[in-house]
């Protein structure tokens, strides 16, 4: 999952989130790097967990408007294209998937059926055939029934080249040799191979290989229903048809998005969402400092406000005020931020290794808040990942090592580089710090800001003209299978919509990915970690910059504000307005 600015639990797995190695940053910034809590969770087939309505929140009341202040608009709300955490948390209010996550802020998550009556049936007990039954009483915003054919159609349209920026697990599992199916448009079949809907309540998936993670893949937006008659293709981004508790009231790009209640949503069919507010309004016209200043001041109009934008350095000292500190939500997330290296353009491993030593991780963190924003990274996978082992293949100082860069490159002139970044103030400041560090090591760096609303689309184009770019990735569930394959399997590269932003493609790594996927589940965690080390030792496809943490504010009338373990953000499903 991309980071805009899920640790999702597999089976009965319990993952201890270790504290990341601390930076030597000395800024007094309200650090988020306390030891992370232990997260645990399970796939639950318990009828009580899978039956709506969602458990009530103590003291919660219905009514009011939650205001979400955001720097920049979303890239996509279309479920086929939705692969950024802020977008997924928002879309979770508008449409439902086959499965979803029950959270209560305690670190105890449960995967349960959302549209489905339970997390799915492994028909033959070999993880190759999965069947989901839809609940009774499911309706769209116009009162029409939600059917299994709508779920199948939603998956079908995600194969279309124009709509394929979202998660790709189900698509790749249906077509393990590469999809020849290109969606339902232009004469294409209405459903892909391996997807059947024997009746309006049943959808069945048949895979050539075992995929025991299917219940988790079915919790991603890919499985949200889209009725064919409401499909507006690229325009669906602006007005997804609601199957959830809210529907789009108005959406003015780059300005505001307003959600209002979907009166045809039945809470008795939903074990996940409480939907306490009457309305949720998103404002996209503010900068990070404006947002933080307003939430610190807590004026009446902002008391129902919250943000997913970390408090910027200039405002951090004010968050320790006794009147403000209780409204801070902070902690580590499952994301790693990278300086991606375009391996199509920087083909020499020696240069990529030199870039690793040239990166000033400490400076990159200071630019956005110091230890409140995270801690220096040396691994491709996050410490939240099952089987994680800390290592540093190069033992580079957090501030960079210009002398080592010169030693590695010798008489080779460091190349001129173009570093792309989102044009938000925080990412602009961070990119400037990275440029400064690399130039101390002799690299010449030109910064290329890109509109935040199209950033991942731009760098996800295979023929993009950039050498380096900032990007974040978090596991869709905390195993290496949702990190290494999507980021480093070159066989999945395509003209647009790439997650492999290093454009790395090596057949030995692809073969190893295949081997690890076929190992017994108990052996896979260690094997993914070994592959992490091999990638960094033998190739340096990109540079792990830092392990992410979040440090955000909310207003005094926002109730039940806590960090979602699934998305690394303040959740919206169970939030309420204090009356």
Protein backbone atom coordinates (compact mmCIF):
# COMPACT_ATOMS: atom_id res chain seq x y z
CA UNK A 1 0.00 0.00 0.00
CA UNK A 2 1.35 3.39 -0.93
CA UNK A 3 1.74 6.20 1.59
CA UNK A 4 0.25 9.58 0.78
CA UNK A 5 1.94 12.12 3.00
CA UNK A 6 -1.93 -2.33 6.35
CA UNK A 7 -0.02 -3.59 9.58
CA UNK A 8 -2.62 -6.23 8.76
CA UNK A 9 -2.39 -9.45 10.69
CA UNK A 10 -2.24 -12.84 9.01
CA UNK A 11 -4.08 -15.76 10.59
CA UNK A 12 -3.45 -16.08 14.30
CA UNK A 13 -0.15 -14.31 13.91
CA UNK A 14 1.03 -11.99 16.64
CA UNK A 15 3.61 -9.45 15.56
CA UNK A 16 5.77 -7.65 18.07
CA UNK A 17 6.59 -4.25 16.71
CA UNK A 18 10.11 -3.52 17.83
CA UNK A 19 11.39 -0.02 18.37
CA UNK A 20 13.29 1.20 15.38
CA UNK A 21 16.91 2.18 15.75
CA UNK A 22 16.90 5.78 16.92
CA UNK A 23 18.37 8.64 14.98
CA UNK A 24 20.89 10.91 16.61
CA UNK A 25 18.58 13.83 15.82
CA UNK A 26 18.55 16.07 18.88
CA UNK A 27 15.61 18.26 17.93
CA UNK A 28 13.03 18.52 20.75
CA UNK A 29 10.09 17.48 18.63
CA UNK A 30 7.74 15.24 20.54
CA UNK A 31 9.21 11.94 19.45
CA UNK A 32 6.95 9.17 18.15
CA UNK A 33 9.65 6.56 18.59
CA UNK A 34 8.51 5.01 21.84
CA UNK A 35 8.58 1.21 21.77
CA UNK A 36 5.72 0.13 19.55
CA UNK A 37 2.86 -1.89 20.94
CA UNK A 38 2.43 -5.55 20.18
CA UNK A 39 -0.25 -6.02 17.58
CA UNK A 40 -2.21 -9.21 17.32
CA UNK A 41 -5.16 -10.32 15.30
CA UNK A 42 -6.84 -13.20 13.58
CA UNK A 43 -9.18 -14.22 10.85
CA UNK A 44 -12.41 -14.59 12.77
CA UNK A 45 -15.19 -16.95 11.74
CA UNK A 46 -17.00 -16.35 15.00
CA UNK A 47 -20.63 -15.51 14.25
CA UNK A 48 -20.65 -12.71 16.83
CA UNK A 49 -17.71 -10.98 15.15
CA UNK A 50 -19.24 -11.37 11.70
CA UNK A 51 -22.70 -10.09 12.58
CA UNK A 52 -23.75 -6.44 12.53
CA UNK A 53 -24.20 -3.93 13.90
CA UNK A 54 -20.66 -2.91 14.88
CA UNK A 55 -20.02 -2.84 18.60
CA UNK A 56 -20.99 0.53 20.04
CA UNK A 57 -18.30 2.95 21.24
CA UNK A 58 -18.71 3.97 24.88
CA UNK A 59 -20.01 7.52 25.13
CA UNK A 60 -20.45 7.96 21.40
CA UNK A 61 -23.39 9.90 20.01
CA UNK A 62 -24.75 10.26 16.50
CA UNK A 63 -24.76 13.55 14.65
CA UNK A 64 -22.52 16.43 13.70
CA UNK A 65 -19.85 16.88 11.06
CA UNK A 66 -16.27 15.65 11.16
CA UNK A 67 -13.91 17.92 9.24
CA UNK A 68 -10.78 16.41 7.72
CA UNK A 69 -8.09 18.95 6.83
CA UNK A 70 -5.73 17.72 4.16
CA UNK A 71 -2.81 19.06 2.11
CA UNK A 72 -3.93 18.36 -1.45
CA UNK A 73 -6.68 16.29 -3.00
CA UNK A 74 -6.81 12.53 -3.46
CA UNK A 75 -5.41 10.88 -6.56
CA UNK A 76 -8.15 8.26 -6.77
CA UNK A 77 -11.34 7.12 -5.03
CA UNK A 78 -12.21 4.53 -7.68
CA UNK A 79 -11.79 1.12 -5.95
CA UNK A 80 -9.86 -0.23 -8.94
CA UNK A 81 -7.32 2.60 -8.61
CA UNK A 82 -7.26 3.13 -4.85
CA UNK A 83 -3.91 2.13 -3.33
CA UNK A 84 -3.00 5.03 -1.03
CA UNK A 85 -3.79 4.86 2.66
CA UNK A 86 -5.61 8.22 2.97
CA UNK A 87 -7.79 7.28 0.03
CA UNK A 88 -8.56 3.84 1.42
CA UNK A 89 -9.60 5.17 4.82
CA UNK A 90 -11.89 7.67 3.08
CA UNK A 91 -13.30 5.16 0.61
CA UNK A 92 -14.05 2.79 3.49
CA UNK A 93 -16.90 5.17 4.29
CA UNK A 94 -18.27 5.11 0.73
CA UNK A 95 -17.97 1.49 -0.37
CA UNK A 96 -17.50 -1.90 1.21
CA UNK A 97 -15.30 -4.86 0.26
CA UNK A 98 -15.89 -8.58 0.68
CA UNK A 99 -13.90 -8.49 3.93
CA UNK A 100 -12.69 -5.83 6.33
CA UNK A 101 -11.08 -5.16 9.71
CA UNK A 102 -12.61 -4.65 13.11
CA UNK A 103 -10.44 -2.30 15.18
CA UNK A 104 -10.84 -0.72 18.57
CA UNK A 105 -7.53 1.06 19.11
CA UNK A 106 -6.09 -1.61 21.38
CA UNK A 107 -3.97 -3.30 18.72
CA UNK A 108 -6.41 -6.21 18.55
CA UNK A 109 -7.63 -6.45 14.96
CA UNK A 110 -9.93 -9.06 13.51
CA UNK A 111 -10.45 -9.82 9.85
CA UNK A 112 -14.18 -10.43 9.32
CA UNK A 113 -16.66 -10.52 6.50
CA UNK A 114 -17.83 -7.09 5.35
CA UNK A 115 -20.17 -7.63 2.41
CA UNK A 116 -19.53 -11.33 2.94
CA UNK A 117 -21.06 -13.35 5.76
CA UNK A 118 -17.60 -14.52 6.85
CA UNK A 119 -13.99 -14.12 5.64
CA UNK A 120 -14.39 -16.77 2.94
CA UNK A 121 -14.56 -20.53 2.58
CA UNK A 122 -11.53 -22.54 1.45
CA UNK A 123 -13.70 -24.96 -0.51
CA UNK A 124 -11.25 -27.83 -1.03
CA UNK A 125 -8.97 -27.06 1.93
CA UNK A 126 -6.06 -26.40 -0.45
CA UNK A 127 -6.37 -22.59 -0.74
CA UNK A 128 -7.06 -22.83 -4.47
CA UNK A 129 -10.83 -22.33 -4.50
CA UNK A 130 -12.37 -19.60 -2.35
CA UNK A 131 -16.07 -18.87 -2.01
CA UNK A 132 -17.81 -15.87 -0.45
CA UNK A 133 -21.50 -15.53 0.36
CA UNK A 134 -23.02 -12.04 0.48
CA UNK A 135 -25.21 -10.93 3.36
CA UNK A 136 -28.93 -10.40 3.09
CA UNK A 137 -30.21 -6.83 2.91
CA UNK A 138 -27.21 -5.21 1.19
CA UNK A 139 -28.21 -2.12 -0.79
CA UNK A 140 -26.64 0.67 -2.79
CA UNK A 141 -27.43 4.31 -2.19
CA UNK A 142 -30.43 4.13 -4.58
CA UNK A 143 -31.93 1.17 -2.75
CA UNK A 144 -31.03 -1.43 -5.38
CA UNK A 145 -29.58 -4.76 -4.24
CA UNK A 146 -25.84 -5.42 -4.17
CA UNK A 147 -25.06 -8.67 -5.99
CA UNK A 148 -22.10 -10.97 -6.44
CA UNK A 149 -22.09 -10.02 -10.13
CA UNK A 150 -21.31 -6.43 -9.10
CA UNK A 151 -18.31 -7.65 -7.10
CA UNK A 152 -17.13 -9.69 -10.09
CA UNK A 153 -17.59 -6.69 -12.39
CA UNK A 154 -15.60 -4.47 -10.01
CA UNK A 155 -12.73 -6.95 -10.17
CA UNK A 156 -13.05 -7.22 -13.96
CA UNK A 157 -12.70 -3.48 -14.54
CA UNK A 158 -9.50 -3.43 -12.43
CA UNK A 159 -7.79 -5.29 -15.31
CA UNK A 160 -8.33 -2.36 -17.69
CA UNK A 161 -5.13 -0.48 -18.47
CA UNK A 162 -6.81 2.84 -17.71
CA UNK A 163 -7.85 1.72 -14.21
CA UNK A 164 -5.10 -0.57 -12.95
CA UNK A 165 -3.33 1.57 -10.33
CA UNK A 166 -4.85 -0.36 -7.41
CA UNK A 167 -3.90 -3.62 -5.65
CA UNK A 168 -2.98 -6.46 -8.01
CA UNK A 169 -2.98 -9.59 -5.84
CA UNK A 170 -6.23 -11.14 -7.08
CA UNK A 171 -5.47 -10.22 -10.70
CA UNK A 172 -2.03 -11.84 -10.58
CA UNK A 173 -3.37 -14.93 -8.83
CA UNK A 174 -6.04 -15.38 -11.51
CA UNK A 175 -3.44 -14.96 -14.28
CA UNK A 176 -0.12 -16.20 -12.84
CA UNK A 177 1.61 -16.04 -16.21
CA UNK A 178 0.51 -12.47 -16.86
CA UNK A 179 -2.99 -11.28 -17.67
CA UNK A 180 -4.21 -11.55 -21.23
CA UNK A 181 -7.58 -10.27 -20.04
CA UNK A 182 -7.90 -6.48 -20.29
CA UNK A 183 -11.20 -5.88 -18.58
CA UNK A 184 -14.84 -5.72 -19.68
CA UNK A 185 -14.48 -2.79 -22.06
CA UNK A 186 -14.12 -2.86 -25.84
CA UNK A 187 -15.74 -6.26 -26.21
CA UNK A 188 -13.96 -7.92 -23.30
CA UNK A 189 -15.63 -10.65 -21.27
CA UNK A 190 -17.70 -9.36 -18.33
CA UNK A 191 -15.62 -11.38 -15.84
CA UNK A 192 -12.04 -12.68 -15.82
CA UNK A 193 -11.11 -16.35 -15.84
CA UNK A 194 -11.49 -18.12 -12.53
CA UNK A 195 -14.32 -15.90 -11.25
CA UNK A 196 -17.83 -17.36 -11.07
CA UNK A 197 -21.13 -16.05 -9.73
CA UNK A 198 -23.47 -19.06 -9.60
CA UNK A 199 -26.15 -16.91 -7.98
CA UNK A 200 -26.61 -13.31 -6.82
CA UNK A 201 -25.24 -14.09 -3.35
CA UNK A 202 -22.19 -16.21 -4.25
CA UNK A 203 -18.82 -15.41 -5.78
CA UNK A 204 -16.19 -18.09 -6.29
CA UNK A 205 -12.49 -17.69 -7.14
CA UNK A 206 -10.45 -20.55 -8.61
CA UNK A 207 -6.66 -20.20 -8.66
CA UNK A 208 -4.04 -22.42 -10.26
CA UNK A 209 -1.84 -22.17 -7.15
CA UNK A 210 -2.64 -22.06 -3.42
CA UNK A 211 -3.33 -18.58 -2.04
CA UNK A 212 -4.06 -18.90 1.64
CA UNK A 213 -3.89 -15.10 1.99
CA UNK A 214 -7.08 -14.67 -0.06
CA UNK A 215 -9.15 -13.45 2.93
CA UNK A 216 -6.71 -10.54 3.26
CA UNK A 217 -6.67 -9.72 -0.44
CA UNK A 218 -10.48 -9.68 -0.30
CA UNK A 219 -10.29 -6.85 2.25
CA UNK A 220 -8.70 -4.52 -0.31
CA UNK A 221 -10.78 -2.11 -2.44
CA UNK A 222 -10.47 -4.42 -5.46
CA UNK A 223 -13.42 -6.46 -4.17
CA UNK A 224 -15.78 -3.49 -3.78
CA UNK A 225 -18.94 -3.86 -5.88
CA UNK A 226 -19.45 -1.71 -8.97
CA UNK A 227 -22.75 -2.09 -10.84
CA UNK A 228 -22.05 -2.09 -14.56
CA UNK A 229 -24.81 0.44 -15.21
CA UNK A 230 -23.09 2.94 -12.91
CA UNK A 231 -19.57 2.48 -14.31
CA UNK A 232 -18.30 5.78 -15.70
CA UNK A 233 -14.77 4.44 -16.23
CA UNK A 234 -12.19 7.18 -15.55
CA UNK A 235 -14.90 9.49 -14.18
CA UNK A 236 -15.84 6.98 -11.49
CA UNK A 237 -13.09 8.55 -9.38
CA UNK A 238 -15.33 11.57 -8.87
CA UNK A 239 -18.50 9.75 -7.86
CA UNK A 240 -18.15 6.16 -6.65
CA UNK A 241 -21.58 4.59 -6.21
CA UNK A 242 -22.10 4.03 -2.51
CA UNK A 243 -22.44 0.65 -0.84
CA UNK A 244 -21.24 2.04 2.51
CA UNK A 245 -22.65 4.34 5.19
CA UNK A 246 -21.93 7.58 3.30
CA UNK A 247 -22.41 8.81 -0.24
CA UNK A 248 -20.82 11.67 -2.13
CA UNK A 249 -22.85 14.85 -1.68
CA UNK A 250 -20.43 17.07 -3.59
CA UNK A 251 -16.86 16.88 -4.82
CA UNK A 252 -14.97 19.86 -6.18
CA UNK A 253 -11.50 18.70 -7.15
CA UNK A 254 -8.68 20.40 -5.24
CA UNK A 255 -11.20 22.10 -2.98
CA UNK A 256 -13.66 20.00 -0.97
CA UNK A 257 -15.30 16.60 -0.76
CA UNK A 258 -18.53 16.32 1.24
CA UNK A 259 -20.02 13.01 2.32
CA UNK A 260 -23.54 12.61 3.67
CA UNK A 261 -25.42 9.64 5.07
CA UNK A 262 -26.46 6.87 2.73
CA UNK A 263 -29.91 6.18 4.13
CA UNK A 264 -30.02 2.78 2.40
CA UNK A 265 -27.01 1.51 4.35
CA UNK A 266 -28.25 -0.84 7.05
CA UNK A 267 -25.99 -0.92 10.14
CA UNK A 268 -27.36 -4.36 10.96
CA UNK A 269 -25.49 -5.70 7.91
CA UNK A 270 -22.18 -4.09 8.92
CA UNK A 271 -19.97 -5.45 11.74
CA UNK A 272 -17.21 -2.89 11.09
CA UNK A 273 -18.53 0.69 10.79
CA UNK A 274 -20.48 2.73 13.34
CA UNK A 275 -20.88 5.84 11.15
CA UNK A 276 -21.69 8.22 13.99
CA UNK A 277 -21.27 11.61 12.22
CA UNK A 278 -24.04 12.82 9.92
CA UNK A 279 -21.48 14.26 7.54
CA UNK A 280 -17.76 14.08 6.82
CA UNK A 281 -16.18 17.01 5.00
CA UNK A 282 -12.68 17.06 3.49
CA UNK A 283 -10.91 20.35 2.79
CA UNK A 284 -7.93 20.24 0.42
CA UNK A 285 -6.93 23.92 0.31
CA UNK A 286 -4.77 24.20 3.45
CA UNK A 287 -1.05 23.90 4.08
CA UNK A 288 0.46 21.79 6.86
CA UNK A 289 1.29 24.73 9.13
CA UNK A 290 -2.18 26.22 8.69
CA UNK A 291 -3.77 22.93 9.65
CA UNK A 292 -1.56 22.46 12.70
CA UNK A 293 -2.01 26.06 13.88
CA UNK A 294 -5.79 25.77 13.62
CA UNK A 295 -5.94 22.48 15.49
CA UNK A 296 -3.60 23.76 18.20
CA UNK A 297 -5.77 26.87 18.64
CA UNK A 298 -8.92 24.71 18.76
CA UNK A 299 -11.33 27.50 17.79
CA UNK A 300 -15.00 26.45 17.83
CA UNK A 301 -15.13 25.93 14.05
CA UNK A 302 -12.12 23.59 14.22
CA UNK A 303 -13.00 21.55 17.29
CA UNK A 304 -14.47 18.80 15.10
CA UNK A 305 -11.40 18.80 12.85
CA UNK A 306 -8.67 16.24 12.35
CA UNK A 307 -5.83 15.69 9.94
CA UNK A 308 -3.63 12.97 8.53
CA UNK A 309 -0.84 15.50 7.94
CA UNK A 310 1.96 15.25 10.49
CA UNK A 311 2.59 18.33 12.60
CA UNK A 312 5.35 20.30 10.83
CA UNK A 313 8.56 21.25 12.66
CA UNK A 314 7.58 24.88 13.26
CA UNK A 315 4.49 23.88 15.27
CA UNK A 316 5.85 20.82 17.10
CA UNK A 317 7.00 22.66 20.27
CA UNK A 318 3.44 23.88 20.87
CA UNK A 319 2.04 20.35 20.97
CA UNK A 320 3.55 19.71 24.40
CA UNK A 321 1.23 22.33 25.93
CA UNK A 322 -1.07 20.61 28.47
CA UNK A 323 -4.12 21.86 26.56
CA UNK A 324 -2.85 20.38 23.30
CA UNK A 325 -0.94 17.22 24.25
CA UNK A 326 -4.07 15.08 24.92
CA UNK A 327 -5.13 15.75 21.33
CA UNK A 328 -1.92 14.37 19.81
CA UNK A 329 -2.09 10.91 18.24
CA UNK A 330 1.32 9.42 17.55
CA UNK A 331 3.12 6.17 16.96
CA UNK A 332 5.05 4.02 14.50
CA UNK A 333 3.36 2.72 11.37
CA UNK A 334 4.02 -0.18 9.00
CA UNK A 335 5.45 2.10 6.31
CA UNK A 336 9.00 2.51 5.06
CA UNK A 337 9.98 5.60 3.09
CA UNK A 338 12.48 5.11 0.30
CA UNK A 339 14.55 7.14 -2.07
CA UNK A 340 13.61 5.13 -5.11
CA UNK A 341 16.34 4.63 -7.72
CA UNK A 342 15.22 4.21 -11.31
CA UNK A 343 17.27 1.14 -12.25
CA UNK A 344 16.47 1.70 -15.93
CA UNK A 345 18.48 4.91 -15.76
CA UNK A 346 21.02 4.13 -13.03
CA UNK A 347 22.22 0.72 -14.15
CA UNK A 348 25.55 0.63 -12.30
CA UNK A 349 25.27 -1.01 -8.88
CA UNK A 350 28.36 0.90 -7.78
CA UNK A 351 26.53 4.19 -8.30
CA UNK A 352 23.47 2.94 -6.41
CA UNK A 353 25.71 1.88 -3.52
CA UNK A 354 27.34 5.30 -3.54
CA UNK A 355 23.90 6.90 -3.35
CA UNK A 356 23.14 4.76 -0.30
CA UNK A 357 26.18 6.22 1.46
CA UNK A 358 25.41 9.72 0.20
CA UNK A 359 21.90 9.87 1.64
CA UNK A 360 21.57 12.01 4.78
CA UNK A 361 18.72 10.17 6.49
CA UNK A 362 19.03 12.35 9.56
CA UNK A 363 18.60 15.51 7.49
CA UNK A 364 15.66 14.02 5.61
CA UNK A 365 13.91 13.35 8.93
CA UNK A 366 14.77 16.71 10.49
CA UNK A 367 13.17 18.45 7.51
CA UNK A 368 9.77 16.96 8.38
CA UNK A 369 9.90 16.82 12.17
CA UNK A 370 12.83 14.72 13.34
CA UNK A 371 12.06 11.70 15.48
CA UNK A 372 8.34 12.48 15.46
CA UNK A 373 8.39 11.45 11.78
CA UNK A 374 10.36 8.22 12.14
CA UNK A 375 13.84 6.76 12.44
CA UNK A 376 16.59 5.94 9.90
CA UNK A 377 16.04 2.72 7.97
CA UNK A 378 18.44 0.18 6.52
CA UNK A 379 16.05 -2.59 5.45
CA UNK A 380 13.48 -2.80 2.69
CA UNK A 381 10.89 -4.31 5.04
CA UNK A 382 9.47 -2.61 8.11
CA UNK A 383 10.12 -3.75 11.69
CA UNK A 384 6.37 -4.49 11.82
CA UNK A 385 6.82 -7.33 9.32
CA UNK A 386 6.68 -10.92 10.54
CA UNK A 387 10.19 -12.40 10.76
CA UNK A 388 11.91 -9.00 10.69
CA UNK A 389 15.62 -8.90 11.53
CA UNK A 390 17.52 -5.63 11.78
CA UNK A 391 20.62 -5.35 9.60
CA UNK A 392 22.56 -2.77 7.62
CA UNK A 393 24.38 -4.15 4.61
CA UNK A 394 26.62 -1.08 4.43
CA UNK A 395 26.66 0.41 7.95
CA UNK A 396 26.31 3.91 6.59
CA UNK A 397 26.09 6.77 9.11
CA UNK A 398 22.63 8.33 9.39
CA UNK A 399 24.13 11.63 8.24
CA UNK A 400 25.76 10.12 5.15
CA UNK A 401 29.40 9.42 4.33
CA UNK A 402 30.83 11.62 1.53
CA UNK A 403 34.29 10.08 1.92
CA UNK A 404 32.91 6.60 1.31
CA UNK A 405 31.06 7.85 -1.77
CA UNK A 406 34.31 9.15 -3.20
CA UNK A 407 36.04 5.87 -2.36
CA UNK A 408 33.36 3.83 -4.15
CA UNK A 409 33.20 6.00 -7.26
CA UNK A 410 36.94 6.56 -7.52
CA UNK A 411 37.67 8.48 -10.71
CA UNK A 412 34.08 8.11 -11.93
CA UNK A 413 32.26 11.43 -12.05
CA UNK A 414 29.03 11.27 -10.03
CA UNK A 415 26.08 11.48 -12.42
CA UNK A 416 23.67 14.41 -12.60
CA UNK A 417 20.34 13.29 -11.16
CA UNK A 418 16.70 14.38 -11.22
CA UNK A 419 14.88 13.83 -7.90
CA UNK A 420 11.07 13.85 -8.17
CA UNK A 421 8.91 14.62 -5.15
CA UNK A 422 5.35 15.57 -4.27
CA UNK A 423 4.93 19.34 -4.25
CA UNK A 424 3.56 19.56 -0.69
CA UNK A 425 5.62 21.81 1.61
CA UNK A 426 6.85 18.94 3.79
CA UNK A 427 7.97 16.78 0.86
CA UNK A 428 9.53 19.82 -0.80
CA UNK A 429 11.55 20.53 2.35
CA UNK A 430 12.52 16.89 2.62
CA UNK A 431 13.63 16.73 -1.01
CA UNK A 432 15.77 19.83 -0.48
CA UNK A 433 17.47 18.14 2.49
CA UNK A 434 18.14 15.01 0.44
CA UNK A 435 19.55 17.11 -2.40
CA UNK A 436 21.84 18.95 0.04
CA UNK A 437 23.16 15.68 1.46
CA UNK A 438 23.80 14.08 -1.92
CA UNK A 439 25.52 17.19 -3.24
CA UNK A 440 27.93 17.07 -0.30
CA UNK A 441 28.98 13.73 -1.76
CA UNK A 442 29.54 15.18 -5.23
CA UNK A 443 26.23 14.36 -6.92
CA UNK A 444 24.48 17.12 -8.84
CA UNK A 445 20.75 16.95 -8.09
CA UNK A 446 17.88 18.77 -9.78
CA UNK A 447 14.56 18.75 -7.93
CA UNK A 448 11.35 18.07 -9.85
CA UNK A 449 8.16 18.83 -7.90
CA UNK A 450 5.02 17.00 -9.07
CA UNK A 451 1.41 17.78 -8.17
CA UNK A 452 0.47 15.68 -5.15
CA UNK A 453 -2.81 14.68 -6.82
CA UNK A 454 -0.95 12.90 -9.62
CA UNK A 455 2.38 12.04 -7.99
CA UNK A 456 2.15 8.25 -7.86
CA UNK A 457 0.56 8.17 -11.31
CA UNK A 458 3.53 10.11 -12.70
CA UNK A 459 6.32 8.10 -11.09
CA UNK A 460 4.39 4.89 -11.80
CA UNK A 461 4.89 5.36 -15.55
CA UNK A 462 7.64 3.05 -16.74
CA UNK A 463 9.11 5.62 -19.12
CA UNK A 464 9.23 8.43 -16.56
CA UNK A 465 12.24 10.78 -16.86
CA UNK A 466 13.30 10.74 -13.20
CA UNK A 467 16.35 9.15 -11.59
CA UNK A 468 15.24 9.30 -7.96
CA UNK A 469 11.94 9.75 -6.17
CA UNK A 470 10.52 9.74 -2.67
CA UNK A 471 7.90 7.11 -2.01
CA UNK A 472 6.45 5.17 0.89
CA UNK A 473 5.18 1.60 1.06
CA UNK A 474 3.42 -0.35 3.79
CA UNK A 475 2.48 -4.00 3.89
CA UNK A 476 -1.09 -4.89 3.01
CA UNK A 477 -0.70 -7.53 5.71
CA UNK A 478 2.56 -7.94 7.67
CA UNK A 479 4.45 -10.51 5.66
CA UNK A 480 7.17 -10.07 3.09
CA UNK A 481 4.75 -11.38 0.46
CA UNK A 482 3.08 -7.95 0.37
CA UNK A 483 6.39 -6.07 0.17
CA UNK A 484 9.04 -7.93 -1.83
CA UNK A 485 6.92 -9.19 -4.78
CA UNK A 486 4.98 -5.97 -5.47
CA UNK A 487 8.11 -3.82 -5.16
CA UNK A 488 10.80 -5.98 -6.79
CA UNK A 489 9.27 -8.58 -9.13
CA UNK A 490 10.19 -7.21 -12.54
CA UNK A 491 7.78 -9.51 -14.35
CA UNK A 492 4.93 -7.32 -13.15
CA UNK A 493 6.27 -4.13 -14.75
CA UNK A 494 3.81 -2.47 -17.13
CA UNK A 495 3.54 0.85 -18.97
CA UNK A 496 1.58 2.58 -16.16
CA UNK A 497 0.41 1.98 -12.60
CA UNK A 498 3.63 0.39 -11.32
CA UNK A 499 4.36 -0.27 -7.67
CA UNK A 500 7.89 -1.45 -8.51
CA UNK A 501 9.13 2.13 -8.59
CA UNK A 502 12.79 1.16 -8.81
CA UNK A 503 11.88 -0.58 -12.09
CA UNK A 504 14.06 -3.39 -10.84
CA UNK A 505 14.02 -6.56 -12.92
CA UNK A 506 16.34 -9.47 -12.27
CA UNK A 507 15.40 -13.06 -13.19
CA UNK A 508 17.24 -14.57 -10.23
CA UNK A 509 15.17 -12.49 -7.82
CA UNK A 510 11.95 -13.33 -9.68
CA UNK A 511 12.82 -17.03 -9.44
CA UNK A 512 13.52 -16.69 -5.72
CA UNK A 513 10.18 -14.95 -5.22
CA UNK A 514 8.48 -17.94 -6.84
CA UNK A 515 10.41 -20.35 -4.63
CA UNK A 516 9.58 -18.52 -1.41
CA UNK A 517 5.89 -18.33 -2.26
CA UNK A 518 5.79 -22.15 -2.44
CA UNK A 519 7.49 -22.71 0.91
CA UNK A 520 5.49 -23.85 3.93
CA UNK A 521 4.00 -20.85 5.71
CA UNK A 522 6.24 -21.39 8.75
CA UNK A 523 9.36 -20.97 6.57
CA UNK A 524 8.30 -17.98 4.50
CA UNK A 525 8.95 -15.18 6.98
CA UNK A 526 12.66 -15.99 7.32
CA UNK A 527 12.95 -16.50 3.56
CA UNK A 528 11.47 -13.07 2.77
CA UNK A 529 13.92 -11.50 5.23
CA UNK A 530 16.81 -13.33 3.55
CA UNK A 531 15.62 -12.01 0.20
CA UNK A 532 15.50 -8.49 1.63
CA UNK A 533 19.18 -8.87 2.57
CA UNK A 534 20.09 -10.34 -0.83
CA UNK A 535 18.42 -7.47 -2.67
CA UNK A 536 20.32 -4.88 -0.66
CA UNK A 537 23.65 -6.71 -0.66
CA UNK A 538 23.73 -7.74 -4.32
CA UNK A 539 21.69 -5.03 -6.05
CA UNK A 540 20.71 -1.96 -3.94
CA UNK A 541 17.51 -1.48 -5.97
CA UNK A 542 16.63 1.59 -3.89
CA UNK A 543 17.52 3.25 -0.60
CA UNK A 544 15.53 2.65 2.58
CA UNK A 545 15.41 6.14 4.08
CA UNK A 546 13.36 5.84 7.27
CA UNK A 547 10.80 3.81 9.14
CA UNK A 548 7.68 5.93 9.30
CA UNK A 549 5.94 7.27 12.37
CA UNK A 550 2.96 9.58 12.59
CA UNK A 551 2.31 12.59 14.84
CA UNK A 552 -1.01 14.29 14.20
CA UNK A 553 -3.59 16.46 15.92
CA UNK A 554 -7.36 16.55 16.25
CA UNK A 555 -9.87 18.99 17.71
CA UNK A 556 -11.31 18.80 21.21
CA UNK A 557 -14.75 17.61 20.05
CA UNK A 558 -13.46 14.61 18.12
CA UNK A 559 -14.20 11.43 20.03
CA UNK A 560 -12.53 8.01 19.81
CA UNK A 561 -9.58 9.24 17.75
CA UNK A 562 -6.96 6.52 17.47
CA UNK A 563 -4.38 5.25 15.02
CA UNK A 564 -5.64 2.53 12.70
CA UNK A 565 -3.37 -0.50 12.73
CA UNK A 566 -4.50 -1.31 9.21
CA UNK A 567 -3.67 2.03 7.62
CA UNK A 568 -1.29 3.94 9.91
CA UNK A 569 -3.74 6.86 10.10
CA UNK A 570 -6.51 8.20 12.28
CA UNK A 571 -9.47 5.93 11.54
CA UNK A 572 -12.91 7.23 10.56
CA UNK A 573 -15.14 4.16 11.00
CA UNK A 574 -15.69 4.59 14.74
CA UNK A 575 -15.03 8.28 15.28
CA UNK A 576 -17.72 10.61 16.63
CA UNK A 577 -18.49 14.25 17.39
CA UNK A 578 -18.64 15.03 21.09
CA UNK A 579 -21.92 16.79 21.81
